[in-house]
Amino acid sequence: MRIISAAITGFIILSLVFISPASALKIDIAEPSPKTLGQTISFSFTITVEDSELLPIRRVDLEIYKENEPAVYHITCLDLPLTATSKTYPTAAGDVTVTAVPGAGWGYGYGYGYAIWESTGYYWGYGYGYGGWGYGYGPEGYGYGYGFAPTSITYSVTWSSPATWPAGDYVVKATVLANGDTFSKTRTVALSVYVYPVTAKIDIDPDTLNLKSRGRWITAYIELPEGYDAADIDVSTVLLNDKVPAESMPTGIGDYDEDGIPDLMVKFDRAMVKGMLSPGDAVELTVTGELIDGTPFKGSDTIRVISKGK
């Protein structure tokens, strides 16, 4: 599967295809988040069994594919767990981890234990239903349940999606084989591709910060790589350690390190910065932000932090 991030107009299409009565079994697929390929995408879906005649559930499969190119961008996870457990499916498009959480009254098991009665072999085991016992027969010993519907099972899914898949509409499809009947449901969601941050060169001043000292500002100089202009940085988006916003003034374009590449000077409230730091010889501070066109950037510098009174 692939999920891609960008400005997304998340229109969602739900379609439900039943080869049996629509009220007998329901599949509800939650909206994936984030809607960005290259990130870990999470969603869940719930299977609700309304008719005991559909028990036991024989198999649950999951697919993710690009709507208009399913032959190229497609992953499949077969035989999802039917008990309270987790399973990871390695795929060429990233690992998919599925955790099954049965609802009240859900029980499942294959037949086990063998006996011969009137020259016929039997396997006994647990089945579906509200705590009901089940039995199995034949060489596979498949468990059948005596309990009563409704009952359900919910799957939580995480997908380490690839950033190499293209943006577009992607389909999440769940298919259930329920005692001879097949049910499927799809959810289509628009995904964008994750944009990796531009790596910025950051210089924090002072190089040594005394937590006991007074002062108004901590200064950062932001230099961008070739092809980007520091003058295009949107100061309102700049953060230090994802917490302290840059002051709107003063700011300035210059060449602090005299390397011939322009940099942007921004300042952060010293009291706020000190409030999140502890003493250390190599304390990393990270500056993030965006250019006016939305392109993200990120960079770090290491300073010394002390706590000495005068």
C-alpha atoms as a PDB file:
ATOM      1  CA  MET A   1       0.000   0.000   0.000  1.00  0.00           C
ATOM      2  CA  ARG A   2       1.046   3.490  -0.361  1.00  0.00           C
ATOM      3  CA  ILE A   3      -0.191   6.599   1.306  1.00  0.00           C
ATOM      4  CA  ILE A   4       1.004  10.046   0.383  1.00  0.00           C
ATOM      5  CA  SER A   5       1.046  13.390   2.245  1.00  0.00           C
ATOM      6  CA  ALA A   6       0.365  16.862   0.915  1.00  0.00           C
ATOM      7  CA  ALA A   7      -2.619  19.106   0.878  1.00  0.00           C
ATOM      8  CA  ILE A   8      -5.324  16.476   0.611  1.00  0.00           C
ATOM      9  CA  THR A   9      -8.888  16.913  -0.266  1.00  0.00           C
ATOM     10  CA  GLY A  10      -9.976  13.821   1.538  1.00  0.00           C
ATOM     11  CA  PHE A  11     -13.019  12.737  -0.331  1.00  0.00           C
ATOM     12  CA  ILE A  12     -13.940   9.222   0.634  1.00  0.00           C
ATOM     13  CA  ILE A  13     -15.930   6.682  -1.283  1.00  0.00           C
ATOM     14  CA  LEU A  14     -17.532   3.803   0.517  1.00  0.00           C
ATOM     15  CA  SER A  15     -18.743   0.775  -1.361  1.00  0.00           C
ATOM     16  CA  LEU A  16     -20.158  -2.415   0.033  1.00  0.00           C
ATOM     17  CA  VAL A  17     -20.551  -5.568  -1.989  1.00  0.00           C
ATOM     18  CA  PHE A  18     -22.380  -8.539  -0.552  1.00  0.00           C
ATOM     19  CA  ILE A  19     -23.031 -11.927  -2.038  1.00  0.00           C
ATOM     20  CA  SER A  20     -25.393 -12.525   0.880  1.00  0.00           C
ATOM     21  CA  PRO A  21     -28.019 -10.421   2.646  1.00  0.00           C
ATOM     22  CA  ALA A  22     -26.605  -6.983   3.451  1.00  0.00           C
ATOM     23  CA  SER A  23     -27.814  -7.085   7.029  1.00  0.00           C
ATOM     24  CA  ALA A  24     -26.096 -10.377   7.835  1.00  0.00           C
ATOM     25  CA  LEU A  25     -22.543  -9.045   8.136  1.00  0.00           C
ATOM     26  CA  LYS A  26     -21.146  -5.507   8.226  1.00  0.00           C
ATOM     27  CA  ILE A  27     -17.626  -4.233   7.578  1.00  0.00           C
ATOM     28  CA  ASP A  28     -16.784  -0.701   8.717  1.00  0.00           C
ATOM     29  CA  ILE A  29     -13.431   0.787   7.661  1.00  0.00           C
ATOM     30  CA  ALA A  30     -12.180   3.877   9.496  1.00  0.00           C
ATOM     31  CA  GLU A  31     -10.402   6.667   7.633  1.00  0.00           C
ATOM     32  CA  PRO A  32      -6.610   6.160   7.400  1.00  0.00           C
ATOM     33  CA  SER A  33      -4.322   8.715   9.047  1.00  0.00           C
ATOM     34  CA  PRO A  34      -2.067  10.381   8.169  1.00  0.00           C
ATOM     35  CA  LYS A  35      -2.937  10.490   4.487  1.00  0.00           C
ATOM     36  CA  THR A  36       0.715  10.578   3.489  1.00  0.00           C
ATOM     37  CA  LEU A  37       2.874   7.992   1.770  1.00  0.00           C
ATOM     38  CA  GLY A  38       6.301   7.697   3.345  1.00  0.00           C
ATOM     39  CA  GLN A  39       4.862   7.769   6.862  1.00  0.00           C
ATOM     40  CA  THR A  40       3.333   5.125   9.105  1.00  0.00           C
ATOM     41  CA  ILE A  41      -0.343   5.057   8.212  1.00  0.00           C
ATOM     42  CA  SER A  42      -2.892   3.729  10.703  1.00  0.00           C
ATOM     43  CA  PHE A  43      -6.537   2.737  10.418  1.00  0.00           C
ATOM     44  CA  SER A  44      -8.941   0.143  11.756  1.00  0.00           C
ATOM     45  CA  PHE A  45     -11.858  -1.879  10.484  1.00  0.00           C
ATOM     46  CA  THR A  46     -14.568  -3.816  12.297  1.00  0.00           C
ATOM     47  CA  ILE A  47     -16.445  -6.903  11.168  1.00  0.00           C
ATOM     48  CA  THR A  48     -19.854  -7.286  12.813  1.00  0.00           C
ATOM     49  CA  VAL A  49     -21.671 -10.592  12.369  1.00  0.00           C
ATOM     50  CA  GLU A  50     -25.452 -10.228  12.644  1.00  0.00           C
ATOM     51  CA  ASP A  51     -26.458 -13.739  11.592  1.00  0.00           C
ATOM     52  CA  SER A  52     -25.245 -16.835  13.446  1.00  0.00           C
ATOM     53  CA  GLU A  53     -25.598 -18.838  10.237  1.00  0.00           C
ATOM     54  CA  LEU A  54     -22.494 -17.031   8.932  1.00  0.00           C
ATOM     55  CA  LEU A  55     -20.332 -18.396  11.725  1.00  0.00           C
ATOM     56  CA  PRO A  56     -17.624 -19.416  11.777  1.00  0.00           C
ATOM     57  CA  ILE A  57     -15.672 -16.777   9.881  1.00  0.00           C
ATOM     58  CA  ARG A  58     -13.292 -18.765   7.722  1.00  0.00           C
ATOM     59  CA  ARG A  59     -10.934 -16.057   6.505  1.00  0.00           C
ATOM     60  CA  VAL A  60     -10.264 -12.306   6.470  1.00  0.00           C
ATOM     61  CA  ASP A  61      -8.001 -10.650   3.859  1.00  0.00           C
ATOM     62  CA  LEU A  62      -6.791  -7.066   3.506  1.00  0.00           C
ATOM     63  CA  GLU A  63      -5.652  -5.252   0.363  1.00  0.00           C
ATOM     64  CA  ILE A  64      -4.319  -1.759  -0.333  1.00  0.00           C
ATOM     65  CA  TYR A  65      -3.854  -0.566  -3.885  1.00  0.00           C
ATOM     66  CA  LYS A  66      -3.817   2.483  -6.139  1.00  0.00           C
ATOM     67  CA  GLU A  67      -7.262   2.850  -7.638  1.00  0.00           C
ATOM     68  CA  ASN A  68      -6.209   3.455 -11.248  1.00  0.00           C
ATOM     69  CA  GLU A  69      -3.029   1.285 -11.190  1.00  0.00           C
ATOM     70  CA  PRO A  70      -3.869  -1.747  -9.024  1.00  0.00           C
ATOM     71  CA  ALA A  71      -1.543  -4.055 -10.946  1.00  0.00           C
ATOM     72  CA  VAL A  72       1.465  -1.843 -10.160  1.00  0.00           C
ATOM     73  CA  TYR A  73       0.796  -0.517  -6.658  1.00  0.00           C
ATOM     74  CA  HIS A  74      -0.851  -3.285  -4.665  1.00  0.00           C
ATOM     75  CA  ILE A  75      -0.193  -5.106  -1.404  1.00  0.00           C
ATOM     76  CA  THR A  76      -2.151  -8.014   0.057  1.00  0.00           C
ATOM     77  CA  CYS A  77      -2.280  -9.436   3.584  1.00  0.00           C
ATOM     78  CA  LEU A  78      -3.925 -12.853   3.607  1.00  0.00           C
ATOM     79  CA  ASP A  79      -5.444 -14.757   6.522  1.00  0.00           C
ATOM     80  CA  LEU A  80      -5.643 -12.050   9.157  1.00  0.00           C
ATOM     81  CA  PRO A  81      -5.694 -13.435  12.709  1.00  0.00           C
ATOM     82  CA  LEU A  82      -9.065 -14.554  14.061  1.00  0.00           C
ATOM     83  CA  THR A  83      -7.965 -14.498  17.699  1.00  0.00           C
ATOM     84  CA  ALA A  84      -6.650 -11.737  19.978  1.00  0.00           C
ATOM     85  CA  THR A  85      -3.154 -11.461  18.564  1.00  0.00           C
ATOM     86  CA  SER A  86      -0.885  -9.371  16.316  1.00  0.00           C
ATOM     87  CA  LYS A  87       0.751 -10.388  13.067  1.00  0.00           C
ATOM     88  CA  THR A  88       3.226  -8.554  10.826  1.00  0.00           C
ATOM     89  CA  TYR A  89       3.085  -9.001   7.056  1.00  0.00           C
ATOM     90  CA  PRO A  90       6.337  -8.051   5.283  1.00  0.00           C
ATOM     91  CA  THR A  91       5.594  -6.602   1.832  1.00  0.00           C
ATOM     92  CA  ALA A  92       7.633  -4.985  -0.916  1.00  0.00           C
ATOM     93  CA  ALA A  93       5.889  -1.726   0.007  1.00  0.00           C
ATOM     94  CA  GLY A  94       6.605  -1.810   3.740  1.00  0.00           C
ATOM     95  CA  ASP A  95       5.561  -3.911   6.709  1.00  0.00           C
ATOM     96  CA  VAL A  96       1.896  -4.114   7.673  1.00  0.00           C
ATOM     97  CA  THR A  97       1.113  -4.975  11.304  1.00  0.00           C
ATOM     98  CA  VAL A  98      -2.403  -6.141  12.129  1.00  0.00           C
ATOM     99  CA  THR A  99      -3.744  -6.482  15.673  1.00  0.00           C
ATOM    100  CA  ALA A 100      -7.030  -8.348  16.161  1.00  0.00           C
ATOM    101  CA  VAL A 101      -9.307  -7.398  19.066  1.00  0.00           C
ATOM    102  CA  PRO A 102     -12.377  -9.668  19.357  1.00  0.00           C
ATOM    103  CA  GLY A 103     -15.555  -8.176  20.757  1.00  0.00           C
ATOM    104  CA  ALA A 104     -17.730  -9.598  23.503  1.00  0.00           C
ATOM    105  CA  GLY A 105     -18.918 -13.101  22.717  1.00  0.00           C
ATOM    106  CA  TRP A 106     -16.336 -13.755  20.019  1.00  0.00           C
ATOM    107  CA  GLY A 107     -14.571 -17.109  20.234  1.00  0.00           C
ATOM    108  CA  TYR A 108     -12.508 -18.964  17.725  1.00  0.00           C
ATOM    109  CA  GLY A 109     -10.416 -22.076  17.452  1.00  0.00           C
ATOM    110  CA  TYR A 110      -9.559 -25.030  15.307  1.00  0.00           C
ATOM    111  CA  GLY A 111     -10.653 -28.483  16.436  1.00  0.00           C
ATOM    112  CA  TYR A 112      -8.171 -30.368  18.554  1.00  0.00           C
ATOM    113  CA  GLY A 113      -8.092 -33.667  20.335  1.00  0.00           C
ATOM    114  CA  TYR A 114      -8.995 -36.772  18.411  1.00  0.00           C
ATOM    115  CA  ALA A 115     -11.411 -39.583  19.100  1.00  0.00           C
ATOM    116  CA  ILE A 116     -13.112 -42.348  17.169  1.00  0.00           C
ATOM    117  CA  TRP A 117     -16.820 -42.940  17.622  1.00  0.00           C
ATOM    118  CA  GLU A 118     -18.651 -45.592  15.594  1.00  0.00           C
ATOM    119  CA  SER A 119     -15.636 -45.940  13.282  1.00  0.00           C
ATOM    120  CA  THR A 120     -15.560 -42.184  12.523  1.00  0.00           C
ATOM    121  CA  GLY A 121     -12.777 -39.827  13.633  1.00  0.00           C
ATOM    122  CA  TYR A 122     -13.689 -36.520  15.277  1.00  0.00           C
ATOM    123  CA  TYR A 123     -11.706 -33.431  16.299  1.00  0.00           C
ATOM    124  CA  TRP A 124     -13.100 -31.247  19.089  1.00  0.00           C
ATOM    125  CA  GLY A 125     -12.385 -27.548  19.678  1.00  0.00           C
ATOM    126  CA  TYR A 126     -13.797 -24.130  20.441  1.00  0.00           C
ATOM    127  CA  GLY A 127     -16.045 -22.180  18.089  1.00  0.00           C
ATOM    128  CA  TYR A 128     -17.804 -18.840  17.736  1.00  0.00           C
ATOM    129  CA  GLY A 129     -20.616 -17.380  19.775  1.00  0.00           C
ATOM    130  CA  TYR A 130     -21.254 -16.055  23.248  1.00  0.00           C
ATOM    131  CA  GLY A 131     -18.964 -18.406  25.083  1.00  0.00           C
ATOM    132  CA  GLY A 132     -20.491 -21.366  23.276  1.00  0.00           C
ATOM    133  CA  TRP A 133     -18.536 -24.538  22.702  1.00  0.00           C
ATOM    134  CA  GLY A 134     -17.909 -25.802  19.225  1.00  0.00           C
ATOM    135  CA  TYR A 135     -16.925 -28.968  17.534  1.00  0.00           C
ATOM    136  CA  GLY A 136     -14.910 -29.986  14.510  1.00  0.00           C
ATOM    137  CA  TYR A 137     -15.051 -32.915  12.210  1.00  0.00           C
ATOM    138  CA  GLY A 138     -13.081 -34.474   9.410  1.00  0.00           C
ATOM    139  CA  PRO A 139      -9.308 -34.486   8.933  1.00  0.00           C
ATOM    140  CA  GLU A 140      -8.971 -30.688   9.342  1.00  0.00           C
ATOM    141  CA  GLY A 141     -11.010 -30.566  12.540  1.00  0.00           C
ATOM    142  CA  TYR A 142     -12.471 -27.107  11.849  1.00  0.00           C
ATOM    143  CA  GLY A 143     -14.259 -25.546  14.855  1.00  0.00           C
ATOM    144  CA  TYR A 144     -17.932 -24.600  14.616  1.00  0.00           C
ATOM    145  CA  GLY A 145     -19.805 -22.510  17.149  1.00  0.00           C
ATOM    146  CA  TYR A 146     -23.103 -22.912  18.944  1.00  0.00           C
ATOM    147  CA  GLY A 147     -23.358 -19.346  20.283  1.00  0.00           C
ATOM    148  CA  PHE A 148     -25.515 -16.496  19.022  1.00  0.00           C
ATOM    149  CA  ALA A 149     -24.798 -13.415  16.934  1.00  0.00           C
ATOM    150  CA  PRO A 150     -24.312 -10.485  16.902  1.00  0.00           C
ATOM    151  CA  THR A 151     -20.596 -10.535  17.610  1.00  0.00           C
ATOM    152  CA  SER A 152     -17.619  -8.700  16.141  1.00  0.00           C
ATOM    153  CA  ILE A 153     -13.875  -8.391  15.714  1.00  0.00           C
ATOM    154  CA  THR A 154     -11.839  -5.199  15.172  1.00  0.00           C
ATOM    155  CA  TYR A 155      -8.510  -4.994  13.357  1.00  0.00           C
ATOM    156  CA  SER A 156      -6.026  -2.190  14.034  1.00  0.00           C
ATOM    157  CA  VAL A 157      -3.645  -1.770  11.116  1.00  0.00           C
ATOM    158  CA  THR A 158      -0.345   0.122  10.830  1.00  0.00           C
ATOM    159  CA  TRP A 159       1.462   0.337   7.511  1.00  0.00           C
ATOM    160  CA  SER A 160       5.026   1.587   7.055  1.00  0.00           C
ATOM    161  CA  SER A 161       4.155   3.041   3.671  1.00  0.00           C
ATOM    162  CA  PRO A 162       6.788   3.828   1.032  1.00  0.00           C
ATOM    163  CA  ALA A 163       7.517   7.378  -0.093  1.00  0.00           C
ATOM    164  CA  THR A 164       8.267   6.003  -3.568  1.00  0.00           C
ATOM    165  CA  TRP A 165       4.612   5.330  -4.416  1.00  0.00           C
ATOM    166  CA  PRO A 166       2.850   8.162  -6.254  1.00  0.00           C
ATOM    167  CA  ALA A 167       0.157  10.380  -4.843  1.00  0.00           C
ATOM    168  CA  GLY A 168      -3.423   9.586  -5.809  1.00  0.00           C
ATOM    169  CA  ASP A 169      -6.548   7.729  -4.763  1.00  0.00           C
ATOM    170  CA  TYR A 170      -5.863   4.521  -2.851  1.00  0.00           C
ATOM    171  CA  VAL A 171      -8.304   1.768  -1.952  1.00  0.00           C
ATOM    172  CA  VAL A 172      -8.396  -0.138   1.330  1.00  0.00           C
ATOM    173  CA  LYS A 173     -10.326  -3.378   0.808  1.00  0.00           C
ATOM    174  CA  ALA A 174     -11.394  -5.927   3.436  1.00  0.00           C
ATOM    175  CA  THR A 175     -12.763  -9.291   2.317  1.00  0.00           C
ATOM    176  CA  VAL A 176     -14.466 -11.805   4.619  1.00  0.00           C
ATOM    177  CA  LEU A 177     -15.274 -15.433   3.863  1.00  0.00           C
ATOM    178  CA  ALA A 178     -18.086 -16.321   6.242  1.00  0.00           C
ATOM    179  CA  ASN A 179     -19.209 -19.939   6.177  1.00  0.00           C
ATOM    180  CA  GLY A 180     -19.537 -20.055   2.403  1.00  0.00           C
ATOM    181  CA  ASP A 181     -20.580 -16.432   1.767  1.00  0.00           C
ATOM    182  CA  THR A 182     -18.165 -13.682   0.710  1.00  0.00           C
ATOM    183  CA  PHE A 183     -18.429 -10.079   1.861  1.00  0.00           C
ATOM    184  CA  SER A 184     -16.178  -7.185   0.910  1.00  0.00           C
ATOM    185  CA  LYS A 185     -15.980  -3.489   1.545  1.00  0.00           C
ATOM    186  CA  THR A 186     -13.696  -0.769   0.232  1.00  0.00           C
ATOM    187  CA  ARG A 187     -12.738   2.705   1.349  1.00  0.00           C
ATOM    188  CA  THR A 188     -11.046   5.043  -1.114  1.00  0.00           C
ATOM    189  CA  VAL A 189      -8.909   7.877   0.196  1.00  0.00           C
ATOM    190  CA  ALA A 190      -6.756  10.508  -1.513  1.00  0.00           C
ATOM    191  CA  LEU A 191      -3.118  10.266  -0.427  1.00  0.00           C
ATOM    192  CA  SER A 192      -0.203  12.596  -0.974  1.00  0.00           C
ATOM    193  CA  VAL A 193       3.538  11.936  -0.929  1.00  0.00           C
ATOM    194  CA  TYR A 194       5.579  12.882   2.095  1.00  0.00           C
ATOM    195  CA  VAL A 195       7.898  15.815   1.472  1.00  0.00           C
ATOM    196  CA  TYR A 196      11.162  15.353   3.329  1.00  0.00           C
ATOM    197  CA  PRO A 197      12.421  18.515   5.073  1.00  0.00           C
ATOM    198  CA  VAL A 198      15.189  20.581   3.530  1.00  0.00           C
ATOM    199  CA  THR A 199      18.302  20.263   5.713  1.00  0.00           C
ATOM    200  CA  ALA A 200      19.225  23.667   7.112  1.00  0.00           C
ATOM    201  CA  LYS A 201      22.502  24.749   8.706  1.00  0.00           C
ATOM    202  CA  ILE A 202      21.781  26.173  12.171  1.00  0.00           C
ATOM    203  CA  ASP A 203      24.060  28.254  14.394  1.00  0.00           C
ATOM    204  CA  ILE A 204      22.791  28.995  17.907  1.00  0.00           C
ATOM    205  CA  ASP A 205      24.146  31.965  19.872  1.00  0.00           C
ATOM    206  CA  PRO A 206      25.290  31.794  22.648  1.00  0.00           C
ATOM    207  CA  ASP A 207      27.448  28.659  22.357  1.00  0.00           C
ATOM    208  CA  THR A 208      27.243  28.331  26.143  1.00  0.00           C
ATOM    209  CA  LEU A 209      23.952  29.092  27.842  1.00  0.00           C
ATOM    210  CA  ASN A 210      23.920  29.745  31.580  1.00  0.00           C
ATOM    211  CA  LEU A 211      20.531  28.906  33.063  1.00  0.00           C
ATOM    212  CA  LYS A 212      21.228  31.384  35.885  1.00  0.00           C
ATOM    213  CA  SER A 213      22.047  34.285  33.587  1.00  0.00           C
ATOM    214  CA  ARG A 214      19.679  36.990  32.505  1.00  0.00           C
ATOM    215  CA  GLY A 215      18.938  38.114  29.026  1.00  0.00           C
ATOM    216  CA  ARG A 216      16.093  38.506  26.587  1.00  0.00           C
ATOM    217  CA  TRP A 217      16.931  36.386  23.567  1.00  0.00           C
ATOM    218  CA  ILE A 218      18.474  33.232  22.194  1.00  0.00           C
ATOM    219  CA  THR A 219      19.573  33.834  18.591  1.00  0.00           C
ATOM    220  CA  ALA A 220      19.570  31.359  15.711  1.00  0.00           C
ATOM    221  CA  TYR A 221      21.055  31.804  12.241  1.00  0.00           C
ATOM    222  CA  ILE A 222      19.385  29.682   9.560  1.00  0.00           C
ATOM    223  CA  GLU A 223      21.220  28.907   6.327  1.00  0.00           C
ATOM    224  CA  LEU A 224      19.582  26.915   3.528  1.00  0.00           C
ATOM    225  CA  PRO A 225      21.269  24.727   0.879  1.00  0.00           C
ATOM    226  CA  GLU A 226      21.755  25.702  -2.747  1.00  0.00           C
ATOM    227  CA  GLY A 227      18.494  26.213  -4.578  1.00  0.00           C
ATOM    228  CA  TYR A 228      16.718  27.734  -1.579  1.00  0.00           C
ATOM    229  CA  ASP A 229      16.650  31.311  -0.312  1.00  0.00           C
ATOM    230  CA  ALA A 230      16.724  32.154   3.395  1.00  0.00           C
ATOM    231  CA  ALA A 231      14.647  35.233   2.564  1.00  0.00           C
ATOM    232  CA  ASP A 232      11.774  32.875   1.679  1.00  0.00           C
ATOM    233  CA  ILE A 233      11.510  31.492   5.231  1.00  0.00           C
ATOM    234  CA  ASP A 234       8.125  32.150   6.835  1.00  0.00           C
ATOM    235  CA  VAL A 235       9.195  33.355  10.290  1.00  0.00           C
ATOM    236  CA  SER A 236       5.729  32.637  11.737  1.00  0.00           C
ATOM    237  CA  THR A 237       6.359  28.880  11.239  1.00  0.00           C
ATOM    238  CA  VAL A 238       9.808  28.741  12.872  1.00  0.00           C
ATOM    239  CA  LEU A 239      10.037  26.740  16.118  1.00  0.00           C
ATOM    240  CA  LEU A 240      12.837  25.769  18.463  1.00  0.00           C
ATOM    241  CA  ASN A 241      12.538  22.142  19.645  1.00  0.00           C
ATOM    242  CA  ASP A 242       8.932  22.150  18.369  1.00  0.00           C
ATOM    243  CA  LYS A 243       7.932  24.334  21.329  1.00  0.00           C
ATOM    244  CA  VAL A 244       9.325  27.878  21.320  1.00  0.00           C
ATOM    245  CA  PRO A 245       8.188  30.117  18.449  1.00  0.00           C
ATOM    246  CA  ALA A 246      10.536  32.605  16.819  1.00  0.00           C
ATOM    247  CA  GLU A 247       9.808  36.242  17.558  1.00  0.00           C
ATOM    248  CA  SER A 248       8.333  38.166  14.639  1.00  0.00           C
ATOM    249  CA  MET A 249      10.860  40.934  15.300  1.00  0.00           C
ATOM    250  CA  PRO A 250      13.770  41.433  15.161  1.00  0.00           C
ATOM    251  CA  THR A 251      14.784  39.354  12.149  1.00  0.00           C
ATOM    252  CA  GLY A 252      17.325  39.968   9.421  1.00  0.00           C
ATOM    253  CA  ILE A 253      19.065  38.571   6.352  1.00  0.00           C
ATOM    254  CA  GLY A 254      22.856  38.576   6.507  1.00  0.00           C
ATOM    255  CA  ASP A 255      25.920  36.336   6.322  1.00  0.00           C
ATOM    256  CA  TYR A 256      26.741  35.606   9.950  1.00  0.00           C
ATOM    257  CA  ASP A 257      29.402  32.935   9.236  1.00  0.00           C
ATOM    258  CA  GLU A 258      30.852  34.859   6.258  1.00  0.00           C
ATOM    259  CA  ASP A 259      30.688  31.887   3.889  1.00  0.00           C
ATOM    260  CA  GLY A 260      29.058  33.822   1.072  1.00  0.00           C
ATOM    261  CA  ILE A 261      25.630  32.221   1.629  1.00  0.00           C
ATOM    262  CA  PRO A 262      22.819  34.395   3.050  1.00  0.00           C
ATOM    263  CA  ASP A 263      21.265  33.332   6.350  1.00  0.00           C
ATOM    264  CA  LEU A 264      18.249  34.430   8.324  1.00  0.00           C
ATOM    265  CA  MET A 265      18.604  35.631  11.908  1.00  0.00           C
ATOM    266  CA  VAL A 266      15.709  34.885  14.260  1.00  0.00           C
ATOM    267  CA  LYS A 267      15.371  35.207  18.010  1.00  0.00           C
ATOM    268  CA  PHE A 268      13.647  33.102  20.665  1.00  0.00           C
ATOM    269  CA  ASP A 269      12.492  34.078  24.139  1.00  0.00           C
ATOM    270  CA  ARG A 270      15.381  33.170  26.464  1.00  0.00           C
ATOM    271  CA  ALA A 271      13.173  32.376  29.464  1.00  0.00           C
ATOM    272  CA  MET A 272      11.096  29.902  27.429  1.00  0.00           C
ATOM    273  CA  VAL A 273      14.213  28.223  26.059  1.00  0.00           C
ATOM    274  CA  LYS A 274      15.834  27.927  29.499  1.00  0.00           C
ATOM    275  CA  GLY A 275      12.630  26.448  30.874  1.00  0.00           C
ATOM    276  CA  MET A 276      12.958  23.345  28.673  1.00  0.00           C
ATOM    277  CA  LEU A 277      16.726  22.762  29.072  1.00  0.00           C
ATOM    278  CA  SER A 278      18.917  20.973  31.599  1.00  0.00           C
ATOM    279  CA  PRO A 279      22.691  21.354  32.060  1.00  0.00           C
ATOM    280  CA  GLY A 280      24.869  19.364  29.671  1.00  0.00           C
ATOM    281  CA  ASP A 281      28.029  19.657  27.605  1.00  0.00           C
ATOM    282  CA  ALA A 282      26.327  18.762  24.320  1.00  0.00           C
ATOM    283  CA  VAL A 283      22.675  19.812  24.266  1.00  0.00           C
ATOM    284  CA  GLU A 284      21.045  19.601  20.841  1.00  0.00           C
ATOM    285  CA  LEU A 285      18.636  22.345  19.783  1.00  0.00           C
ATOM    286  CA  THR A 286      16.552  21.845  16.637  1.00  0.00           C
ATOM    287  CA  VAL A 287      15.016  24.575  14.507  1.00  0.00           C
ATOM    288  CA  THR A 288      12.134  23.742  12.154  1.00  0.00           C
ATOM    289  CA  GLY A 289       9.918  25.801   9.889  1.00  0.00           C
ATOM    290  CA  GLU A 290       8.575  26.288   6.389  1.00  0.00           C
ATOM    291  CA  LEU A 291       9.268  28.423   3.373  1.00  0.00           C
ATOM    292  CA  ILE A 292       6.491  30.637   2.060  1.00  0.00           C
ATOM    293  CA  ASP A 293       5.610  27.914  -0.480  1.00  0.00           C
ATOM    294  CA  GLY A 294       5.118  25.347   2.317  1.00  0.00           C
ATOM    295  CA  THR A 295       8.446  23.519   1.861  1.00  0.00           C
ATOM    296  CA  PRO A 296       9.586  22.316   5.316  1.00  0.00           C
ATOM    297  CA  PHE A 297      13.128  22.702   6.647  1.00  0.00           C
ATOM    298  CA  LYS A 298      14.932  21.359   9.682  1.00  0.00           C
ATOM    299  CA  GLY A 299      18.370  21.723  11.247  1.00  0.00           C
ATOM    300  CA  SER A 300      20.157  21.370  14.572  1.00  0.00           C
ATOM    301  CA  ASP A 301      23.071  22.813  16.541  1.00  0.00           C
ATOM    302  CA  THR A 302      24.715  21.682  19.776  1.00  0.00           C
ATOM    303  CA  ILE A 303      25.476  24.050  22.646  1.00  0.00           C
ATOM    304  CA  ARG A 304      26.755  23.790  26.230  1.00  0.00           C
ATOM    305  CA  VAL A 305      24.242  24.423  28.998  1.00  0.00           C
ATOM    306  CA  ILE A 306      25.426  25.282  32.510  1.00  0.00           C
ATOM    307  CA  SER A 307      23.778  26.418  35.723  1.00  0.00           C
ATOM    308  CA  LYS A 308      26.104  28.659  37.690  1.00  0.00           C
ATOM    309  CA  GLY A 309      25.271  31.638  39.853  1.00  0.00           C
ATOM    310  CA  LYS A 310      27.392  34.755  39.888  1.00  0.00           C
END
